[in-house]
Protein backbone atom coordinates (compact mmCIF):
# COMPACT_ATOMS: atom_id res chain seq x y z
CA MET A 1 0.00 0.00 0.00
CA THR A 2 1.42 3.38 -1.02
CA ASN A 3 1.00 6.57 0.94
CA PRO A 4 -1.46 9.15 -0.36
CA LEU A 5 -0.15 12.07 -2.40
CA TYR A 6 -1.17 15.63 -1.58
CA PHE A 7 -1.61 18.44 -4.07
CA ALA A 8 -1.98 21.98 -2.72
CA GLU A 9 -3.47 24.63 -4.99
CA CYS A 10 -2.26 27.98 -3.69
CA SER A 11 -3.04 31.62 -4.34
CA TYR A 12 -0.20 33.80 -5.57
CA GLY A 13 -2.18 37.03 -5.62
CA ARG A 14 -2.09 38.83 -8.95
CA HIS A 15 -0.03 35.99 -10.42
CA GLY A 16 -3.01 33.67 -10.07
CA ASN A 17 -3.37 30.20 -8.61
CA ALA A 18 -1.12 27.20 -9.10
CA PHE A 19 -0.36 23.85 -7.55
CA ARG A 20 2.64 23.97 -5.21
CA GLU A 21 5.39 21.60 -6.29
CA THR A 22 6.50 19.19 -3.58
CA ASP A 23 9.08 16.43 -3.51
CA ARG A 24 7.28 13.09 -3.89
CA ASP A 25 9.44 11.56 -1.14
CA ALA A 26 8.50 14.37 1.26
CA ASN A 27 4.86 14.57 0.18
CA SER A 28 2.98 13.56 3.31
CA ARG A 29 0.02 14.80 5.28
CA GLN A 30 2.36 16.11 8.00
CA ALA A 31 4.62 17.87 5.47
CA ILE A 32 1.64 19.77 4.03
CA ILE A 33 0.42 20.67 7.54
CA ASP A 34 3.90 21.99 8.37
CA LEU A 35 3.94 24.12 5.18
CA ILE A 36 0.57 25.62 6.11
CA ARG A 37 1.61 26.24 9.72
CA SER A 38 4.84 27.96 8.66
CA GLY A 39 2.98 30.22 6.21
CA GLU A 40 5.00 28.85 3.31
CA ILE A 41 1.79 27.99 1.46
CA HIS A 42 -1.64 29.62 1.46
CA PRO A 43 -3.84 26.82 0.16
CA ILE A 44 -7.09 27.32 -1.67
CA LYS A 45 -7.60 23.61 -2.08
CA ILE A 46 -5.70 20.52 -0.96
CA ILE A 47 -6.40 17.24 -2.70
CA GLU A 48 -5.49 13.82 -1.31
CA VAL A 49 -4.98 11.11 -3.93
CA CYS A 50 -4.92 7.47 -2.81
CA GLU A 51 -3.61 5.57 -5.80
CA ASP A 52 -4.25 2.10 -4.32
CA GLU A 53 -7.88 2.89 -3.51
CA GLY A 54 -8.47 4.99 -6.59
CA THR A 55 -9.90 7.84 -4.51
CA VAL A 56 -9.49 11.60 -4.55
CA ARG A 57 -10.66 13.72 -1.61
CA ASN A 58 -10.73 17.41 -0.83
CA VAL A 59 -8.95 17.61 2.55
CA THR A 60 -8.48 21.39 2.67
CA ASP A 61 -10.47 22.05 5.84
CA GLU A 62 -9.00 19.02 7.64
CA LEU A 63 -5.40 20.05 7.03
CA ILE A 64 -5.95 23.73 7.78
CA GLU A 65 -7.61 22.73 11.03
CA ALA A 66 -4.74 20.31 11.80
CA ALA A 67 -2.29 23.17 11.23
CA GLY A 68 -4.09 25.08 13.97
CA LEU A 69 -5.21 27.93 11.73
CA PRO A 70 -8.81 29.04 11.43
CA GLU A 71 -10.01 28.51 7.87
CA SER A 72 -11.49 31.98 7.61
CA ASN A 73 -8.15 33.72 8.30
CA ILE A 74 -6.46 32.08 5.34
CA HIS A 75 -9.27 33.00 2.96
CA GLU A 76 -9.49 36.57 4.30
CA VAL A 77 -5.78 37.12 3.69
CA ASP A 78 -6.08 35.77 0.15
CA LEU A 79 -9.19 37.84 -0.54
CA ALA A 80 -7.54 41.03 0.73
CA ALA A 81 -4.51 40.39 -1.49
CA LEU A 82 -6.71 39.74 -4.50
CA VAL A 83 -8.69 42.95 -3.96
CA ARG A 84 -5.48 44.98 -3.54
CA ASP A 85 -3.97 43.47 -6.69
CA HIS A 86 -7.17 44.07 -8.66
CA LYS A 87 -7.30 47.74 -7.64
CA ARG A 88 -3.63 48.19 -8.55
CA ASP A 89 -4.26 46.62 -11.97
CA LEU A 90 -7.25 48.90 -12.55
CA ARG A 91 -5.16 51.98 -11.74
CA LYS A 92 -2.36 50.72 -13.97
CA HIS A 93 -4.75 50.55 -16.94
CA GLY A 94 -6.37 53.90 -16.18
CA GLU A 95 -9.69 52.43 -15.04
CA PRO A 96 -11.69 54.00 -12.20
CA VAL A 97 -11.23 52.24 -8.87
């Protein structure tokens, strides 16, 4: 039985969203929790893939909770960054803010 793989889709503000690359050998539930806790990633969605079982689950809330961070704080930070970036882009293109 192989360990599940975790894929974390993260927000990079005005640069958009992308999946965070992780080393397959270090790709564990605890490694993702540690990345969240340290602030190294700001996940929008975390997907757990169990190849042996053929299942895919959204474990975002579970891992954010396990990291000891309230879910709402992560989304508020991302939302604030997105709004700030959007306003900056509007000003850059001469649009009213």
